[in-house]
Each structure stands twice: as structure tokens, then as C-alpha cells.
């Protein structure tokens, strides 16, 4: 795949047209911006993984993949807090 094409595929979800942050916002309006920002950063990091793999830079790919994996917890934590705050009657312990 050409680099310009890969860049366009990454840019499209980051321009606000991605359905994923919006689907989270439908469930929890407080989470919209938090999730959108974290997903954007995660997508950029995943692009770094793909670019490093394409350049046959396995050390760079591994480093970027570890960073991308770390973002998953960064997405999950604020999302869990927002959900617990939205439905306090469903959660007995504090999520913070």
C-alpha cells in the first residue's frame, strides 16, 4: 500500500468522521471527547507500528506496539469512570 493511501486511511478516523467515538458518546455523553482524544493518539501510534514494519524496522515496530498497547488501558480507565458515574446505582465501589 502506498504511504499516501495509508496516511489518508489514518486521517479519516481522526477528522471526526469515525463512528467509534460517537457510538461511545451515544451511551455516555461525558466520554465523547475523552474517548475521541485517546483513540486519536492510539491510531497515530498504531500507524507508527505499521510504518516501522513496512520499513523492516522491527525494533521500532516493537517499541511503537508497546506504546499502542499501553493506550488501551488509558482508554479503558476514563471510560470506566465515566460509565460508573453515569450509572452509580449499578456500581457499588468507586471507579476513581
N, C-alpha and C. Protein backbone atom coordinates (compact mmCIF):
# COMPACT_ATOMS: atom_id res chain seq x y z
N UNK A 1 0.84 -1.16 0.00
CA UNK A 1 0.00 0.00 0.00
C UNK A 1 0.89 1.23 0.00
N UNK A 2 0.53 2.21 -0.78
CA UNK A 2 1.31 3.44 -0.84
C UNK A 2 1.18 4.24 0.44
N UNK A 3 2.23 4.98 0.78
CA UNK A 3 2.22 5.76 2.02
C UNK A 3 1.09 6.79 2.02
N UNK A 4 0.85 7.46 0.89
CA UNK A 4 -0.23 8.45 0.83
C UNK A 4 -1.57 7.79 1.16
N UNK A 5 -1.79 6.61 0.66
CA UNK A 5 -3.03 5.90 0.94
C UNK A 5 -3.15 5.54 2.42
N UNK A 6 -2.06 5.07 3.02
CA UNK A 6 -2.07 4.75 4.46
C UNK A 6 -2.34 6.00 5.27
N UNK A 7 -1.71 7.11 4.89
CA UNK A 7 -1.91 8.35 5.62
C UNK A 7 -3.36 8.80 5.55
N UNK A 8 -3.99 8.63 4.38
CA UNK A 8 -5.39 9.01 4.24
C UNK A 8 -6.28 8.11 5.09
N UNK A 9 -5.96 6.83 5.14
CA UNK A 9 -6.76 5.91 5.96
C UNK A 9 -6.66 6.26 7.43
N UNK A 10 -5.51 6.75 7.87
CA UNK A 10 -5.35 7.16 9.26
C UNK A 10 -6.06 8.49 9.49
N UNK A 11 -5.96 9.41 8.54
CA UNK A 11 -6.54 10.74 8.71
C UNK A 11 -8.06 10.70 8.78
N UNK A 12 -8.69 9.81 8.05
CA UNK A 12 -10.15 9.77 8.00
C UNK A 12 -10.78 9.58 9.38
N UNK A 13 -10.35 8.58 10.19
CA UNK A 13 -10.96 8.47 11.51
C UNK A 13 -10.61 9.63 12.43
N UNK A 14 -9.54 10.35 12.14
CA UNK A 14 -9.11 11.42 13.02
C UNK A 14 -9.77 12.74 12.70
N UNK A 15 -10.48 12.82 11.58
CA UNK A 15 -11.10 14.09 11.20
C UNK A 15 -12.49 14.27 11.78
N UNK A 16 -12.86 13.37 12.69
CA UNK A 16 -14.17 13.48 13.33
C UNK A 16 -15.23 12.64 12.68
N UNK A 17 -14.90 11.95 11.58
CA UNK A 17 -15.91 11.16 10.88
C UNK A 17 -15.98 9.73 11.38
N UNK A 18 -15.12 9.36 12.33
CA UNK A 18 -15.12 8.00 12.83
C UNK A 18 -16.37 7.71 13.65
N UNK A 19 -17.03 6.59 13.40
CA UNK A 19 -18.23 6.27 14.17
C UNK A 19 -17.92 5.82 15.60
N UNK A 20 -16.72 5.39 15.87
CA UNK A 20 -16.43 4.81 17.19
C UNK A 20 -16.61 5.81 18.33
N UNK A 21 -15.95 6.99 18.34
CA UNK A 21 -16.18 7.90 19.46
C UNK A 21 -17.65 8.31 19.58
N UNK A 22 -18.33 8.46 18.47
CA UNK A 22 -19.74 8.85 18.51
C UNK A 22 -20.59 7.75 19.12
N UNK A 23 -20.27 6.49 18.83
CA UNK A 23 -21.06 5.40 19.41
C UNK A 23 -20.88 5.37 20.92
N UNK A 24 -19.68 5.68 21.42
CA UNK A 24 -19.47 5.76 22.86
C UNK A 24 -20.25 6.95 23.43
N UNK A 25 -20.29 8.04 22.69
CA UNK A 25 -20.98 9.24 23.17
C UNK A 25 -22.49 9.01 23.27
N UNK A 26 -23.03 8.21 22.39
CA UNK A 26 -24.46 7.90 22.48
C UNK A 26 -24.76 7.20 23.80
N UNK A 27 -23.84 6.37 24.24
CA UNK A 27 -24.02 5.65 25.50
C UNK A 27 -23.67 6.52 26.69
N UNK A 28 -22.69 7.40 26.51
CA UNK A 28 -22.24 8.24 27.62
C UNK A 28 -21.69 9.55 27.07
N UNK A 29 -22.51 10.61 27.09
CA UNK A 29 -22.07 11.89 26.51
C UNK A 29 -20.79 12.45 27.13
N UNK A 30 -20.52 12.19 28.42
CA UNK A 30 -19.31 12.71 29.07
C UNK A 30 -18.05 12.10 28.46
N UNK A 31 -18.17 10.91 27.93
CA UNK A 31 -17.00 10.19 27.44
C UNK A 31 -16.56 10.62 26.05
N UNK A 32 -17.39 11.34 25.32
CA UNK A 32 -17.13 11.61 23.91
C UNK A 32 -15.73 12.19 23.65
N UNK A 33 -15.40 13.30 24.26
CA UNK A 33 -14.12 13.95 23.96
C UNK A 33 -12.95 13.15 24.49
N UNK A 34 -13.11 12.58 25.67
CA UNK A 34 -12.03 11.78 26.25
C UNK A 34 -11.70 10.60 25.34
N UNK A 35 -12.73 9.88 24.94
CA UNK A 35 -12.52 8.71 24.08
C UNK A 35 -11.97 9.14 22.72
N UNK A 36 -12.51 10.19 22.14
CA UNK A 36 -12.03 10.65 20.84
C UNK A 36 -10.55 11.02 20.88
N UNK A 37 -10.13 11.73 21.91
CA UNK A 37 -8.72 12.13 22.03
C UNK A 37 -7.80 10.92 22.21
N UNK A 38 -8.21 10.00 23.08
CA UNK A 38 -7.38 8.82 23.32
C UNK A 38 -7.32 7.90 22.11
N UNK A 39 -8.43 7.73 21.41
CA UNK A 39 -8.43 6.89 20.22
C UNK A 39 -7.56 7.52 19.13
N UNK A 40 -7.63 8.84 19.00
CA UNK A 40 -6.79 9.53 18.01
C UNK A 40 -5.31 9.25 18.28
N UNK A 41 -4.90 9.40 19.53
CA UNK A 41 -3.49 9.16 19.88
C UNK A 41 -3.13 7.69 19.63
N UNK A 42 -4.04 6.79 19.95
CA UNK A 42 -3.80 5.36 19.74
C UNK A 42 -3.64 5.04 18.25
N UNK A 43 -4.49 5.62 17.40
CA UNK A 43 -4.41 5.37 15.96
C UNK A 43 -3.09 5.88 15.40
N UNK A 44 -2.66 7.03 15.84
CA UNK A 44 -1.38 7.58 15.38
C UNK A 44 -0.23 6.64 15.77
N UNK A 45 -0.30 6.10 16.98
CA UNK A 45 0.74 5.18 17.42
C UNK A 45 0.70 3.89 16.62
N UNK A 46 -0.50 3.39 16.33
CA UNK A 46 -0.60 2.18 15.51
C UNK A 46 -0.04 2.42 14.11
N UNK A 47 -0.23 3.61 13.58
CA UNK A 47 0.34 3.94 12.28
C UNK A 47 1.86 3.86 12.34
N UNK A 48 2.43 4.27 13.47
CA UNK A 48 3.87 4.16 13.64
C UNK A 48 4.32 2.70 13.60
N UNK A 49 3.51 1.81 14.16
CA UNK A 49 3.82 0.37 14.11
C UNK A 49 3.86 -0.10 12.65
N UNK A 50 2.83 0.25 11.91
CA UNK A 50 2.74 -0.19 10.51
C UNK A 50 3.88 0.41 9.69
N UNK A 51 4.18 1.68 9.89
CA UNK A 51 5.27 2.32 9.15
C UNK A 51 6.61 1.66 9.47
N UNK A 52 6.85 1.35 10.74
CA UNK A 52 8.10 0.68 11.12
C UNK A 52 8.17 -0.72 10.53
N UNK A 53 7.06 -1.43 10.52
CA UNK A 53 7.05 -2.77 9.91
C UNK A 53 7.32 -2.68 8.41
N UNK A 54 6.73 -1.68 7.75
CA UNK A 54 6.96 -1.51 6.31
C UNK A 54 8.41 -1.19 6.02
N UNK A 55 9.07 -0.49 6.95
CA UNK A 55 10.48 -0.15 6.78
C UNK A 55 11.40 -1.26 7.28
N UNK A 56 10.80 -2.38 7.70
CA UNK A 56 11.54 -3.53 8.23
C UNK A 56 12.36 -3.15 9.47
N UNK A 57 11.82 -2.20 10.25
CA UNK A 57 12.43 -1.76 11.50
C UNK A 57 11.70 -2.46 12.64
N UNK A 58 12.12 -3.68 12.93
CA UNK A 58 11.41 -4.48 13.93
C UNK A 58 11.53 -3.90 15.33
N UNK A 59 12.68 -3.33 15.66
CA UNK A 59 12.84 -2.71 16.98
C UNK A 59 11.89 -1.53 17.13
N UNK A 60 11.81 -0.71 16.10
CA UNK A 60 10.87 0.43 16.13
C UNK A 60 9.43 -0.03 16.17
N UNK A 61 9.11 -1.10 15.44
CA UNK A 61 7.74 -1.63 15.44
C UNK A 61 7.37 -2.14 16.83
N UNK A 62 8.29 -2.83 17.48
CA UNK A 62 8.03 -3.36 18.81
C UNK A 62 7.82 -2.23 19.82
N UNK A 63 8.67 -1.22 19.76
CA UNK A 63 8.56 -0.08 20.67
C UNK A 63 7.22 0.62 20.49
N UNK A 64 6.82 0.86 19.24
CA UNK A 64 5.54 1.52 18.97
C UNK A 64 4.36 0.64 19.38
N UNK A 65 4.50 -0.69 19.20
CA UNK A 65 3.43 -1.59 19.57
C UNK A 65 3.23 -1.59 21.09
N UNK A 66 4.31 -1.55 21.84
CA UNK A 66 4.20 -1.49 23.30
C UNK A 66 3.50 -0.20 23.74
N UNK A 67 3.82 0.91 23.06
CA UNK A 67 3.15 2.18 23.38
C UNK A 67 1.66 2.10 23.05
N UNK A 68 1.34 1.52 21.90
CA UNK A 68 -0.07 1.38 21.50
C UNK A 68 -0.83 0.49 22.47
N UNK A 69 -0.21 -0.57 22.94
CA UNK A 69 -0.86 -1.46 23.91
C UNK A 69 -1.13 -0.71 25.21
N UNK A 70 -0.22 0.14 25.61
CA UNK A 70 -0.43 0.94 26.81
C UNK A 70 -1.60 1.88 26.70
N UNK A 71 -1.89 2.34 25.49
CA UNK A 71 -3.02 3.24 25.28
C UNK A 71 -4.35 2.57 25.56
N UNK A 72 -4.40 1.27 25.41
CA UNK A 72 -5.67 0.58 25.65
C UNK A 72 -6.13 0.78 27.09
N UNK A 73 -5.20 0.71 28.03
CA UNK A 73 -5.57 0.96 29.43
C UNK A 73 -5.92 2.42 29.63
N UNK A 74 -5.23 3.32 28.92
CA UNK A 74 -5.52 4.74 29.02
C UNK A 74 -6.92 5.05 28.50
N UNK A 75 -7.41 4.27 27.56
CA UNK A 75 -8.77 4.43 27.05
C UNK A 75 -9.76 3.81 28.03
N UNK A 76 -9.43 2.64 28.54
CA UNK A 76 -10.35 1.91 29.41
C UNK A 76 -10.60 2.63 30.74
N UNK A 77 -9.56 3.19 31.34
CA UNK A 77 -9.72 3.79 32.67
C UNK A 77 -10.72 4.95 32.68
N UNK A 78 -10.55 6.00 31.86
CA UNK A 78 -11.53 7.09 31.92
C UNK A 78 -12.92 6.66 31.43
N UNK A 79 -12.96 5.70 30.52
CA UNK A 79 -14.25 5.21 30.06
C UNK A 79 -14.98 4.49 31.20
N UNK A 80 -14.25 3.70 31.98
CA UNK A 80 -14.86 3.01 33.12
C UNK A 80 -15.38 4.01 34.15
N UNK A 81 -14.61 5.06 34.43
CA UNK A 81 -15.05 6.08 35.38
C UNK A 81 -16.31 6.76 34.86
N UNK A 82 -16.33 7.13 33.58
CA UNK A 82 -17.50 7.81 33.01
C UNK A 82 -18.73 6.92 33.07
N UNK A 83 -18.57 5.63 32.80
CA UNK A 83 -19.71 4.71 32.86
C UNK A 83 -20.19 4.56 34.30
N UNK A 84 -19.26 4.43 35.23
CA UNK A 84 -19.65 4.30 36.65
C UNK A 84 -20.36 5.56 37.13
N UNK A 85 -19.94 6.73 36.68
CA UNK A 85 -20.60 7.97 37.07
C UNK A 85 -21.98 8.09 36.42
N UNK A 86 -22.12 7.56 35.22
CA UNK A 86 -23.40 7.62 34.52
C UNK A 86 -24.42 6.69 35.18
N UNK A 87 -23.95 5.57 35.71
CA UNK A 87 -24.83 4.57 36.30
C UNK A 87 -24.39 4.25 37.73
N UNK A 88 -24.45 5.21 38.65
CA UNK A 88 -23.94 4.97 40.00
C UNK A 88 -24.70 3.87 40.75
N UNK A 89 -25.96 3.64 40.40
CA UNK A 89 -26.74 2.60 41.08
C UNK A 89 -26.30 1.19 40.67
N UNK A 90 -25.56 1.07 39.59
CA UNK A 90 -25.10 -0.24 39.12
C UNK A 90 -23.71 -0.60 39.66
N UNK A 91 -23.00 0.37 40.24
CA UNK A 91 -21.65 0.15 40.72
C UNK A 91 -21.55 0.54 42.18
N UNK A 92 -21.18 -0.39 43.03
CA UNK A 92 -21.14 -0.12 44.47
C UNK A 92 -19.81 0.48 44.91
N UNK A 93 -18.73 0.22 44.21
CA UNK A 93 -17.42 0.75 44.58
C UNK A 93 -17.07 1.93 43.67
N UNK A 94 -16.25 2.81 44.17
CA UNK A 94 -15.79 3.94 43.38
C UNK A 94 -14.86 3.46 42.28
N UNK A 95 -15.04 3.99 41.07
CA UNK A 95 -14.18 3.63 39.94
C UNK A 95 -12.97 4.55 39.85
N UNK A 96 -12.92 5.58 40.67
CA UNK A 96 -11.82 6.55 40.61
C UNK A 96 -10.62 6.05 41.37
